[in-house]
Amino acid sequence: MTHPLAGIDYPRQCRDWEETPYTKALGDALESLFDRSVHDLDGIVAGLNEAGVTPPDGGRWTAETFQAEMARLGA
């Protein structure tokens, strides 16, 4: 089932910086995971690694790198 709001790009009211290709890809991957009811940290980390969206250091996501990146981005 497709989410009824899929494809709509709402403004991010809490963001005070311009979106980059990296943050767009990360956001899209996270939205896809949430749409599939993946909400636990281990599932998110595994899903990001499977999606091929890498953290800024180019490695693989871990719980620690994901939490640090969310803190850095202000999520």
C-alpha atoms as a PDB file:
ATOM      1  CA  MET A   1       0.000   0.000   0.000  1.00  0.00           C
ATOM      2  CA  THR A   2       1.324   3.415  -0.918  1.00  0.00           C
ATOM      3  CA  HIS A   3       1.196   6.068   1.773  1.00  0.00           C
ATOM      4  CA  PRO A   4      -1.468   8.664   0.877  1.00  0.00           C
ATOM      5  CA  LEU A   5       1.068  11.475   1.204  1.00  0.00           C
ATOM      6  CA  ALA A   6       3.854   9.712  -0.708  1.00  0.00           C
ATOM      7  CA  GLY A   7       5.603  11.927  -3.197  1.00  0.00           C
ATOM      8  CA  ILE A   8       4.665  15.187  -1.498  1.00  0.00           C
ATOM      9  CA  ASP A   9       7.742  17.147  -0.462  1.00  0.00           C
ATOM     10  CA  TYR A  10       6.669  19.166   2.550  1.00  0.00           C
ATOM     11  CA  PRO A  11       8.974  21.921   3.800  1.00  0.00           C
ATOM     12  CA  ARG A  12      11.041  21.007   6.806  1.00  0.00           C
ATOM     13  CA  GLN A  13      10.034  23.737   9.205  1.00  0.00           C
ATOM     14  CA  CYS A  14      12.675  22.940  11.804  1.00  0.00           C
ATOM     15  CA  ARG A  15      15.565  22.836   9.342  1.00  0.00           C
ATOM     16  CA  ASP A  16      17.654  25.995   9.100  1.00  0.00           C
ATOM     17  CA  TRP A  17      20.036  24.713   6.393  1.00  0.00           C
ATOM     18  CA  GLU A  18      19.732  23.766   2.750  1.00  0.00           C
ATOM     19  CA  GLU A  19      19.131  20.131   1.951  1.00  0.00           C
ATOM     20  CA  THR A  20      22.032  18.358   0.230  1.00  0.00           C
ATOM     21  CA  PRO A  21      21.947  15.258  -1.973  1.00  0.00           C
ATOM     22  CA  TYR A  22      23.201  13.297   1.060  1.00  0.00           C
ATOM     23  CA  THR A  23      20.511  14.552   3.454  1.00  0.00           C
ATOM     24  CA  LYS A  24      17.834  14.036   0.781  1.00  0.00           C
ATOM     25  CA  ALA A  25      18.968  10.424   0.219  1.00  0.00           C
ATOM     26  CA  LEU A  26      19.149   9.797   3.965  1.00  0.00           C
ATOM     27  CA  GLY A  27      15.701  11.285   4.533  1.00  0.00           C
ATOM     28  CA  ASP A  28      14.205   9.322   1.656  1.00  0.00           C
ATOM     29  CA  ALA A  29      15.725   6.086   2.963  1.00  0.00           C
ATOM     30  CA  LEU A  30      14.430   6.751   6.479  1.00  0.00           C
ATOM     31  CA  GLU A  31      10.941   7.550   5.183  1.00  0.00           C
ATOM     32  CA  SER A  32      10.970   4.308   3.201  1.00  0.00           C
ATOM     33  CA  LEU A  33      11.944   2.349   6.303  1.00  0.00           C
ATOM     34  CA  PHE A  34       9.246   4.022   8.400  1.00  0.00           C
ATOM     35  CA  ASP A  35       6.684   3.296   5.664  1.00  0.00           C
ATOM     36  CA  ARG A  36       7.624  -0.379   6.050  1.00  0.00           C
ATOM     37  CA  SER A  37       7.101  -0.105   9.831  1.00  0.00           C
ATOM     38  CA  VAL A  38      10.809  -0.299  10.641  1.00  0.00           C
ATOM     39  CA  HIS A  39      11.180   1.776  13.800  1.00  0.00           C
ATOM     40  CA  ASP A  40      13.806   0.020  15.915  1.00  0.00           C
ATOM     41  CA  LEU A  41      17.410   1.197  15.861  1.00  0.00           C
ATOM     42  CA  ASP A  42      18.853  -2.107  14.662  1.00  0.00           C
ATOM     43  CA  GLY A  43      16.305  -2.280  11.838  1.00  0.00           C
ATOM     44  CA  ILE A  44      17.012   1.295  10.769  1.00  0.00           C
ATOM     45  CA  VAL A  45      20.768   0.696  10.737  1.00  0.00           C
ATOM     46  CA  ALA A  46      20.367  -2.513   8.729  1.00  0.00           C
ATOM     47  CA  GLY A  47      17.950  -0.826   6.331  1.00  0.00           C
ATOM     48  CA  LEU A  48      20.269   2.109   5.674  1.00  0.00           C
ATOM     49  CA  ASN A  49      23.145  -0.264   4.984  1.00  0.00           C
ATOM     50  CA  GLU A  50      20.956  -2.303   2.613  1.00  0.00           C
ATOM     51  CA  ALA A  51      19.796   0.880   0.853  1.00  0.00           C
ATOM     52  CA  GLY A  52      23.391   1.916   0.197  1.00  0.00           C
ATOM     53  CA  VAL A  53      23.121   5.286   1.917  1.00  0.00           C
ATOM     54  CA  THR A  54      26.456   5.639   3.678  1.00  0.00           C
ATOM     55  CA  PRO A  55      27.337   7.849   6.635  1.00  0.00           C
ATOM     56  CA  PRO A  56      29.605  10.841   6.002  1.00  0.00           C
ATOM     57  CA  ASP A  57      32.747   8.790   6.681  1.00  0.00           C
ATOM     58  CA  GLY A  58      31.809   6.436   3.830  1.00  0.00           C
ATOM     59  CA  GLY A  59      31.663   3.372   6.068  1.00  0.00           C
ATOM     60  CA  ARG A  60      28.712   1.321   7.183  1.00  0.00           C
ATOM     61  CA  TRP A  61      26.060   2.511   9.586  1.00  0.00           C
ATOM     62  CA  THR A  62      26.199   1.347  13.191  1.00  0.00           C
ATOM     63  CA  ALA A  63      23.896   2.291  16.046  1.00  0.00           C
ATOM     64  CA  GLU A  64      26.563   4.717  17.237  1.00  0.00           C
ATOM     65  CA  THR A  65      27.157   6.403  13.875  1.00  0.00           C
ATOM     66  CA  PHE A  66      23.415   6.729  13.250  1.00  0.00           C
ATOM     67  CA  GLN A  67      22.781   8.315  16.650  1.00  0.00           C
ATOM     68  CA  ALA A  68      25.740  10.663  16.222  1.00  0.00           C
ATOM     69  CA  GLU A  69      24.559  11.694  12.748  1.00  0.00           C
ATOM     70  CA  MET A  70      21.010  12.370  13.957  1.00  0.00           C
ATOM     71  CA  ALA A  71      22.450  14.526  16.744  1.00  0.00           C
ATOM     72  CA  ARG A  72      24.687  16.350  14.256  1.00  0.00           C
ATOM     73  CA  LEU A  73      21.775  17.016  11.912  1.00  0.00           C
ATOM     74  CA  GLY A  74      19.608  18.161  14.795  1.00  0.00           C
ATOM     75  CA  ALA A  75      16.987  15.469  14.318  1.00  0.00           C
END
